[in-house]
Amino acid sequence: MNNEELQQWVEEVSLQYFGRPFIHKATFNARLKATGGRYFTQSHNIEISPHQLAAFGKEETEKIIKHELCHYHLHILNRGYKHRDQDFKQLLAHVGGSRYCNTLPERKEAKKREYRYLLQCVHCGQQYYRKRRMDVSKYRCGRCSGKLNIKMLDKE
């Protein structure tokens, strides 16, 4: 999918779910990896991550588009467009947009490789990854208050 097709898609979603036209620019931005999309308050443009489309498909990407369009339309109407605003939360729930995007699989693996230690609860098996070593005798499991064991992870 290219930027022209994305623009068409965003315009269709805007009319279908919001009943208002999207008259600004929607583009892909390949640098977006930790977030699914961005709305710019100055230019009113929207950027969408192509990685989300490739990893999770059109259905999840449409939820991201709805999220960004909620910011867009509420900002245009001078209503609460920020994540914490009630207007935003209500509109997002009404149109079926996603509050958060899914984490990309390659980012999950990269995040796991950063950790050096694995804490595991003896009682319930809950796992905690840590970058720094800690004294397990001073801490308990957050889920069941069980005793924790520490293990150093192998590095490739």
N, C-alpha and C. Protein backbone atom coordinates (compact mmCIF):
# COMPACT_ATOMS: atom_id res chain seq x y z
N MET A 1 0.86 -1.18 0.00
CA MET A 1 0.00 0.00 0.00
C MET A 1 0.90 1.24 0.00
N ASN A 2 0.54 2.22 -0.80
CA ASN A 2 1.33 3.45 -0.87
C ASN A 2 0.58 4.60 -0.19
N ASN A 3 1.19 5.78 -0.19
CA ASN A 3 0.60 6.93 0.50
C ASN A 3 -0.73 7.37 -0.10
N GLU A 4 -0.89 7.25 -1.43
CA GLU A 4 -2.16 7.65 -2.05
C GLU A 4 -3.30 6.74 -1.61
N GLU A 5 -3.01 5.44 -1.54
CA GLU A 5 -4.03 4.48 -1.08
C GLU A 5 -4.36 4.70 0.39
N LEU A 6 -3.34 5.02 1.19
CA LEU A 6 -3.57 5.33 2.61
C LEU A 6 -4.45 6.57 2.74
N GLN A 7 -4.16 7.59 1.97
CA GLN A 7 -4.95 8.83 1.99
C GLN A 7 -6.41 8.53 1.68
N GLN A 8 -6.64 7.74 0.67
CA GLN A 8 -8.01 7.35 0.27
C GLN A 8 -8.69 6.59 1.41
N TRP A 9 -7.96 5.66 2.02
CA TRP A 9 -8.49 4.84 3.10
C TRP A 9 -8.88 5.71 4.30
N VAL A 10 -8.00 6.64 4.69
CA VAL A 10 -8.27 7.52 5.82
C VAL A 10 -9.49 8.39 5.54
N GLU A 11 -9.60 8.89 4.32
CA GLU A 11 -10.77 9.71 3.95
C GLU A 11 -12.06 8.89 4.04
N GLU A 12 -12.03 7.64 3.59
CA GLU A 12 -13.21 6.77 3.66
C GLU A 12 -13.60 6.47 5.10
N VAL A 13 -12.61 6.14 5.95
CA VAL A 13 -12.88 5.85 7.37
C VAL A 13 -13.46 7.08 8.05
N SER A 14 -12.92 8.25 7.72
CA SER A 14 -13.40 9.49 8.31
C SER A 14 -14.88 9.74 7.99
N LEU A 15 -15.23 9.56 6.74
CA LEU A 15 -16.64 9.77 6.35
C LEU A 15 -17.55 8.71 6.93
N GLN A 16 -17.10 7.46 6.92
CA GLN A 16 -17.94 6.35 7.38
C GLN A 16 -18.20 6.40 8.88
N TYR A 17 -17.16 6.62 9.69
CA TYR A 17 -17.31 6.53 11.15
C TYR A 17 -17.53 7.86 11.84
N PHE A 18 -17.07 8.97 11.23
CA PHE A 18 -17.18 10.27 11.87
C PHE A 18 -18.18 11.19 11.17
N GLY A 19 -18.55 10.84 9.92
CA GLY A 19 -19.49 11.67 9.18
C GLY A 19 -18.92 13.02 8.81
N ARG A 20 -17.62 13.16 8.84
CA ARG A 20 -16.93 14.41 8.52
C ARG A 20 -15.76 14.10 7.60
N PRO A 21 -15.44 15.00 6.69
CA PRO A 21 -14.33 14.73 5.77
C PRO A 21 -12.96 14.95 6.42
N PHE A 22 -11.99 14.20 5.97
CA PHE A 22 -10.59 14.41 6.35
C PHE A 22 -9.95 15.15 5.19
N ILE A 23 -9.60 16.43 5.39
CA ILE A 23 -9.14 17.26 4.27
C ILE A 23 -7.64 17.55 4.34
N HIS A 24 -6.93 16.88 5.23
CA HIS A 24 -5.50 17.08 5.34
C HIS A 24 -4.75 15.87 4.78
N LYS A 25 -3.50 15.70 5.15
CA LYS A 25 -2.66 14.68 4.54
C LYS A 25 -2.41 13.50 5.48
N ALA A 26 -2.51 12.30 4.94
CA ALA A 26 -2.17 11.08 5.68
C ALA A 26 -1.04 10.38 4.93
N THR A 27 0.02 10.03 5.66
CA THR A 27 1.18 9.38 5.04
C THR A 27 1.70 8.26 5.94
N PHE A 28 2.48 7.39 5.33
CA PHE A 28 3.20 6.38 6.09
C PHE A 28 4.52 6.97 6.58
N ASN A 29 4.95 6.55 7.75
CA ASN A 29 6.25 6.94 8.27
C ASN A 29 6.92 5.68 8.82
N ALA A 30 7.93 5.19 8.11
CA ALA A 30 8.60 3.93 8.49
C ALA A 30 9.43 4.06 9.76
N ARG A 31 9.67 5.28 10.21
CA ARG A 31 10.44 5.46 11.45
C ARG A 31 9.59 5.17 12.69
N LEU A 32 8.27 5.12 12.55
CA LEU A 32 7.39 4.86 13.69
C LEU A 32 7.43 3.37 14.02
N LYS A 33 8.04 3.03 15.15
CA LYS A 33 8.13 1.63 15.55
C LYS A 33 7.47 1.38 16.90
N ALA A 34 7.56 2.34 17.79
CA ALA A 34 6.98 2.16 19.13
C ALA A 34 5.53 2.64 19.18
N THR A 35 5.10 3.34 18.14
CA THR A 35 3.75 3.87 18.11
C THR A 35 3.09 3.51 16.78
N GLY A 36 1.78 3.46 16.77
CA GLY A 36 1.07 3.08 15.56
C GLY A 36 0.82 4.24 14.62
N GLY A 37 0.72 5.44 15.18
CA GLY A 37 0.45 6.61 14.36
C GLY A 37 0.66 7.89 15.14
N ARG A 38 0.61 9.01 14.42
CA ARG A 38 0.77 10.32 15.04
C ARG A 38 -0.18 11.31 14.39
N TYR A 39 -0.69 12.23 15.22
CA TYR A 39 -1.49 13.35 14.72
C TYR A 39 -0.73 14.62 15.06
N PHE A 40 -0.57 15.50 14.08
CA PHE A 40 0.14 16.76 14.28
C PHE A 40 -0.87 17.89 14.45
N THR A 41 -0.82 18.56 15.60
CA THR A 41 -1.79 19.62 15.89
C THR A 41 -1.55 20.87 15.05
N GLN A 42 -0.33 21.13 14.63
CA GLN A 42 -0.04 22.33 13.83
C GLN A 42 -0.53 22.18 12.39
N SER A 43 -0.17 21.06 11.76
CA SER A 43 -0.51 20.88 10.34
C SER A 43 -1.79 20.07 10.14
N HIS A 44 -2.26 19.40 11.17
CA HIS A 44 -3.43 18.51 11.13
C HIS A 44 -3.20 17.26 10.28
N ASN A 45 -1.95 16.95 9.98
CA ASN A 45 -1.63 15.75 9.20
C ASN A 45 -1.53 14.54 10.12
N ILE A 46 -1.66 13.37 9.51
CA ILE A 46 -1.58 12.10 10.25
C ILE A 46 -0.50 11.24 9.62
N GLU A 47 0.28 10.59 10.47
CA GLU A 47 1.26 9.61 10.00
C GLU A 47 0.89 8.25 10.60
N ILE A 48 1.04 7.21 9.80
CA ILE A 48 0.72 5.84 10.21
C ILE A 48 1.96 4.98 10.01
N SER A 49 2.19 4.05 10.93
CA SER A 49 3.33 3.14 10.83
C SER A 49 3.02 2.01 9.85
N PRO A 50 3.85 1.86 8.81
CA PRO A 50 3.64 0.74 7.88
C PRO A 50 3.97 -0.61 8.50
N HIS A 51 4.77 -0.59 9.58
CA HIS A 51 5.14 -1.83 10.27
C HIS A 51 3.92 -2.47 10.93
N GLN A 52 3.01 -1.63 11.45
CA GLN A 52 1.78 -2.15 12.06
C GLN A 52 0.91 -2.84 11.00
N LEU A 53 0.83 -2.24 9.82
CA LEU A 53 0.05 -2.83 8.72
C LEU A 53 0.65 -4.17 8.31
N ALA A 54 1.97 -4.24 8.19
CA ALA A 54 2.64 -5.47 7.77
C ALA A 54 2.51 -6.57 8.84
N ALA A 55 2.61 -6.20 10.10
CA ALA A 55 2.62 -7.20 11.18
C ALA A 55 1.22 -7.65 11.58
N PHE A 56 0.24 -6.74 11.60
CA PHE A 56 -1.07 -7.07 12.17
C PHE A 56 -2.24 -6.92 11.21
N GLY A 57 -2.01 -6.41 10.00
CA GLY A 57 -3.05 -6.38 8.99
C GLY A 57 -3.92 -5.13 9.01
N LYS A 58 -4.90 -5.14 8.10
CA LYS A 58 -5.75 -3.97 7.87
C LYS A 58 -6.69 -3.67 9.04
N GLU A 59 -7.17 -4.70 9.70
CA GLU A 59 -8.14 -4.49 10.79
C GLU A 59 -7.53 -3.69 11.93
N GLU A 60 -6.32 -4.08 12.37
CA GLU A 60 -5.65 -3.35 13.45
C GLU A 60 -5.22 -1.97 13.01
N THR A 61 -4.79 -1.85 11.76
CA THR A 61 -4.37 -0.55 11.25
C THR A 61 -5.56 0.40 11.16
N GLU A 62 -6.73 -0.12 10.84
CA GLU A 62 -7.92 0.73 10.81
C GLU A 62 -8.25 1.26 12.19
N LYS A 63 -8.02 0.47 13.23
CA LYS A 63 -8.23 0.94 14.60
C LYS A 63 -7.27 2.08 14.94
N ILE A 64 -6.04 1.98 14.43
CA ILE A 64 -5.06 3.06 14.64
C ILE A 64 -5.50 4.32 13.90
N ILE A 65 -6.01 4.15 12.69
CA ILE A 65 -6.50 5.29 11.91
C ILE A 65 -7.66 5.96 12.64
N LYS A 66 -8.57 5.17 13.20
CA LYS A 66 -9.69 5.72 13.95
C LYS A 66 -9.19 6.51 15.16
N HIS A 67 -8.16 5.99 15.83
CA HIS A 67 -7.58 6.67 16.98
C HIS A 67 -7.06 8.05 16.56
N GLU A 68 -6.28 8.08 15.49
CA GLU A 68 -5.71 9.35 15.03
C GLU A 68 -6.80 10.30 14.52
N LEU A 69 -7.83 9.76 13.89
CA LEU A 69 -8.95 10.60 13.44
C LEU A 69 -9.74 11.18 14.61
N CYS A 70 -9.78 10.47 15.73
CA CYS A 70 -10.42 11.03 16.94
C CYS A 70 -9.67 12.29 17.37
N HIS A 71 -8.32 12.21 17.41
CA HIS A 71 -7.53 13.41 17.72
C HIS A 71 -7.86 14.52 16.74
N TYR A 72 -7.86 14.18 15.46
CA TYR A 72 -8.05 15.15 14.38
C TYR A 72 -9.40 15.87 14.50
N HIS A 73 -10.48 15.11 14.53
CA HIS A 73 -11.81 15.73 14.51
C HIS A 73 -12.10 16.51 15.79
N LEU A 74 -11.67 15.99 16.94
CA LEU A 74 -11.91 16.72 18.19
C LEU A 74 -11.10 18.01 18.23
N HIS A 75 -9.88 17.96 17.72
CA HIS A 75 -9.06 19.17 17.69
C HIS A 75 -9.67 20.22 16.76
N ILE A 76 -10.15 19.80 15.61
CA ILE A 76 -10.80 20.70 14.66
C ILE A 76 -12.04 21.35 15.29
N LEU A 77 -12.77 20.57 16.10
CA LEU A 77 -14.00 21.06 16.74
C LEU A 77 -13.75 21.80 18.06
N ASN A 78 -12.47 22.01 18.41
CA ASN A 78 -12.09 22.67 19.67
C ASN A 78 -12.64 21.96 20.90
N ARG A 79 -12.59 20.63 20.88
CA ARG A 79 -13.02 19.83 22.03
C ARG A 79 -11.81 19.08 22.55
N GLY A 80 -11.96 18.34 23.63
CA GLY A 80 -10.84 17.64 24.26
C GLY A 80 -10.29 16.54 23.37
N TYR A 81 -9.12 16.76 22.78
CA TYR A 81 -8.54 15.81 21.82
C TYR A 81 -7.39 15.00 22.41
N LYS A 82 -7.01 15.27 23.65
CA LYS A 82 -5.89 14.56 24.27
C LYS A 82 -6.36 13.24 24.87
N HIS A 83 -5.41 12.33 25.10
CA HIS A 83 -5.76 11.00 25.60
C HIS A 83 -6.53 11.04 26.92
N ARG A 84 -6.22 12.00 27.76
CA ARG A 84 -6.85 12.06 29.09
C ARG A 84 -8.24 12.69 29.07
N ASP A 85 -8.62 13.32 27.97
CA ASP A 85 -9.91 14.03 27.90
C ASP A 85 -11.08 13.07 27.73
N GLN A 86 -12.18 13.40 28.39
CA GLN A 86 -13.37 12.56 28.34
C GLN A 86 -13.96 12.51 26.93
N ASP A 87 -13.94 13.63 26.22
CA ASP A 87 -14.44 13.66 24.85
C ASP A 87 -13.71 12.64 23.98
N PHE A 88 -12.40 12.60 24.13
CA PHE A 88 -11.58 11.67 23.35
C PHE A 88 -11.93 10.22 23.68
N LYS A 89 -12.01 9.92 24.95
CA LYS A 89 -12.30 8.55 25.38
C LYS A 89 -13.67 8.09 24.88
N GLN A 90 -14.65 8.97 24.96
CA GLN A 90 -16.00 8.60 24.52
C GLN A 90 -16.06 8.38 23.01
N LEU A 91 -15.45 9.29 22.25
CA LEU A 91 -15.47 9.15 20.79
C LEU A 91 -14.71 7.91 20.34
N LEU A 92 -13.58 7.65 20.97
CA LEU A 92 -12.79 6.47 20.63
C LEU A 92 -13.58 5.19 20.86
N ALA A 93 -14.29 5.12 21.99
CA ALA A 93 -15.12 3.95 22.28
C ALA A 93 -16.28 3.84 21.29
N HIS A 94 -16.84 4.97 20.92
CA HIS A 94 -17.99 4.99 20.00
C HIS A 94 -17.62 4.47 18.61
N VAL A 95 -16.45 4.87 18.09
CA VAL A 95 -16.07 4.46 16.73
C VAL A 95 -15.31 3.14 16.71
N GLY A 96 -14.89 2.65 17.87
CA GLY A 96 -14.21 1.35 17.92
C GLY A 96 -12.72 1.42 17.61
N GLY A 97 -12.11 2.53 17.94
CA GLY A 97 -10.66 2.66 17.76
C GLY A 97 -9.90 2.00 18.89
N SER A 98 -8.60 1.81 18.69
CA SER A 98 -7.80 1.17 19.74
C SER A 98 -7.13 2.24 20.61
N ARG A 99 -7.08 1.98 21.89
CA ARG A 99 -6.42 2.90 22.83
C ARG A 99 -4.92 2.80 22.68
N TYR A 100 -4.40 1.58 22.51
CA TYR A 100 -2.97 1.32 22.34
C TYR A 100 -2.77 0.43 21.13
N CYS A 101 -1.63 0.56 20.48
CA CYS A 101 -1.33 -0.34 19.35
C CYS A 101 -0.55 -1.54 19.88
N ASN A 102 -0.53 -2.60 19.11
CA ASN A 102 0.21 -3.80 19.48
C ASN A 102 1.71 -3.56 19.35
N THR A 103 2.47 -4.23 20.21
CA THR A 103 3.93 -4.14 20.13
C THR A 103 4.41 -5.01 18.98
N LEU A 104 5.29 -4.46 18.17
CA LEU A 104 5.83 -5.20 17.03
C LEU A 104 6.67 -6.38 17.53
N PRO A 105 6.59 -7.53 16.86
CA PRO A 105 7.32 -8.73 17.32
C PRO A 105 8.83 -8.51 17.46
N GLU A 106 9.44 -7.79 16.52
CA GLU A 106 10.89 -7.58 16.60
C GLU A 106 11.26 -6.68 17.78
N ARG A 107 10.36 -5.78 18.18
CA ARG A 107 10.63 -4.93 19.35
C ARG A 107 10.51 -5.73 20.64
N LYS A 108 9.59 -6.70 20.68
CA LYS A 108 9.47 -7.55 21.86
C LYS A 108 10.76 -8.34 22.09
N GLU A 109 11.28 -8.91 21.02
CA GLU A 109 12.51 -9.70 21.12
C GLU A 109 13.70 -8.83 21.51
N ALA A 110 13.79 -7.65 20.93
CA ALA A 110 14.89 -6.74 21.25
C ALA A 110 14.81 -6.32 22.72
N LYS A 111 13.61 -6.11 23.22
CA LYS A 111 13.42 -5.72 24.61
C LYS A 111 13.86 -6.85 25.55
N LYS A 112 13.52 -8.09 25.19
CA LYS A 112 13.90 -9.22 26.03
C LYS A 112 15.41 -9.40 26.08
N ARG A 113 16.10 -9.12 24.97
CA ARG A 113 17.55 -9.29 24.93
C ARG A 113 18.27 -8.30 25.82
N GLU A 114 17.61 -7.19 26.18
CA GLU A 114 18.23 -6.19 27.04
C GLU A 114 18.37 -6.69 28.47
N TYR A 115 17.56 -7.64 28.88
CA TYR A 115 17.55 -8.09 30.26
C TYR A 115 18.66 -9.10 30.55
N ARG A 116 19.22 -9.03 31.75
CA ARG A 116 20.29 -9.94 32.14
C ARG A 116 19.82 -10.96 33.17
N TYR A 117 18.75 -10.66 33.91
CA TYR A 117 18.31 -11.53 35.00
C TYR A 117 16.84 -11.88 34.84
N LEU A 118 16.50 -13.07 35.29
CA LEU A 118 15.12 -13.53 35.31
C LEU A 118 14.77 -13.88 36.75
N LEU A 119 13.74 -13.24 37.27
CA LEU A 119 13.22 -13.58 38.59
C LEU A 119 11.98 -14.43 38.37
N GLN A 120 11.87 -15.52 39.11
CA GLN A 120 10.70 -16.37 38.96
C GLN A 120 10.15 -16.72 40.34
N CYS A 121 8.83 -16.62 40.45
CA CYS A 121 8.15 -16.94 41.70
C CYS A 121 8.13 -18.46 41.89
N VAL A 122 8.47 -18.91 43.07
CA VAL A 122 8.48 -20.34 43.39
C VAL A 122 7.04 -20.86 43.46
N HIS A 123 6.12 -20.04 43.92
CA HIS A 123 4.75 -20.48 44.15
C HIS A 123 3.89 -20.48 42.88
N CYS A 124 3.83 -19.34 42.16
CA CYS A 124 2.91 -19.24 41.02
C CYS A 124 3.60 -19.25 39.66
N GLY A 125 4.92 -19.14 39.63
CA GLY A 125 5.66 -19.20 38.37
C GLY A 125 5.73 -17.88 37.60
N GLN A 126 5.20 -16.79 38.17
CA GLN A 126 5.28 -15.47 37.53
C GLN A 126 6.73 -15.12 37.25
N GLN A 127 7.01 -14.57 36.04
CA GLN A 127 8.37 -14.22 35.67
C GLN A 127 8.52 -12.71 35.58
N TYR A 128 9.68 -12.23 36.04
CA TYR A 128 10.04 -10.82 35.96
C TYR A 128 11.43 -10.72 35.35
N TYR A 129 11.56 -9.92 34.30
CA TYR A 129 12.87 -9.70 33.69
C TYR A 129 13.48 -8.44 34.27
N ARG A 130 14.78 -8.50 34.57
CA ARG A 130 15.47 -7.37 35.18
C ARG A 130 16.78 -7.09 34.47
N LYS A 131 17.14 -5.82 34.39
CA LYS A 131 18.43 -5.45 33.84
C LYS A 131 19.51 -5.51 34.91
N ARG A 132 19.11 -5.18 36.14
CA ARG A 132 20.07 -5.14 37.23
C ARG A 132 19.78 -6.24 38.25
N ARG A 133 20.86 -6.73 38.86
CA ARG A 133 20.72 -7.76 39.89
C ARG A 133 20.06 -7.15 41.12
N MET A 134 19.29 -7.96 41.83
CA MET A 134 18.66 -7.48 43.05
C MET A 134 18.66 -8.56 44.12
N ASP A 135 18.54 -8.14 45.36
CA ASP A 135 18.54 -9.06 46.49
C ASP A 135 17.12 -9.62 46.63
N VAL A 136 16.94 -10.90 46.23
CA VAL A 136 15.60 -11.50 46.23
C VAL A 136 15.07 -11.77 47.63
N SER A 137 15.93 -11.75 48.64
CA SER A 137 15.45 -11.99 50.01
C SER A 137 14.64 -10.79 50.53
N LYS A 138 14.80 -9.64 49.91
CA LYS A 138 14.08 -8.44 50.35
C LYS A 138 12.75 -8.24 49.63
N TYR A 139 12.49 -9.03 48.59
CA TYR A 139 11.30 -8.82 47.77
C TYR A 139 10.50 -10.10 47.62
N ARG A 140 9.20 -9.94 47.30
CA ARG A 140 8.28 -11.06 47.10
C ARG A 140 7.57 -10.87 45.76
N CYS A 141 6.88 -11.91 45.34
CA CYS A 141 6.11 -11.87 44.10
C CYS A 141 4.96 -10.87 44.23
N GLY A 142 4.76 -10.07 43.18
CA GLY A 142 3.69 -9.08 43.19
C GLY A 142 2.31 -9.69 43.02
N ARG A 143 2.25 -10.89 42.49
CA ARG A 143 0.97 -11.54 42.24
C ARG A 143 0.48 -12.31 43.46
N CYS A 144 1.37 -13.15 44.06
CA CYS A 144 0.92 -14.03 45.14
C CYS A 144 1.73 -13.91 46.42
N SER A 145 2.71 -13.01 46.45
CA SER A 145 3.61 -12.81 47.60
C SER A 145 4.51 -14.01 47.88
N GLY A 146 4.74 -14.84 46.86
CA GLY A 146 5.62 -15.99 47.02
C GLY A 146 7.09 -15.60 46.96
N LYS A 147 7.96 -16.55 47.30
CA LYS A 147 9.41 -16.33 47.29
C LYS A 147 9.91 -16.28 45.84
N LEU A 148 10.94 -15.47 45.59
CA LEU A 148 11.50 -15.32 44.26
C LEU A 148 12.86 -16.00 44.14
N ASN A 149 13.11 -16.59 42.98
CA ASN A 149 14.43 -17.13 42.63
C ASN A 149 15.00 -16.27 41.51
N ILE A 150 16.33 -16.09 41.51
CA ILE A 150 16.98 -15.28 40.47
C ILE A 150 17.87 -16.16 39.63
N LYS A 151 17.89 -15.89 38.32
CA LYS A 151 18.71 -16.67 37.39
C LYS A 151 19.30 -15.70 36.38
N MET A 152 20.59 -15.85 36.06
CA MET A 152 21.23 -15.01 35.04
C MET A 152 20.89 -15.58 33.67
N LEU A 153 20.50 -14.69 32.75
CA LEU A 153 20.15 -15.11 31.41
C LEU A 153 21.40 -15.23 30.55
N ASP A 154 21.39 -16.20 29.61
CA ASP A 154 22.51 -16.38 28.68
C ASP A 154 22.47 -15.29 27.64
N LYS A 155 23.65 -14.77 27.29
CA LYS A 155 23.74 -13.76 26.24
C LYS A 155 24.41 -14.37 25.03
N GLU A 156 23.86 -14.08 23.84
CA GLU A 156 24.45 -14.61 22.62
C GLU A 156 25.60 -13.77 22.18
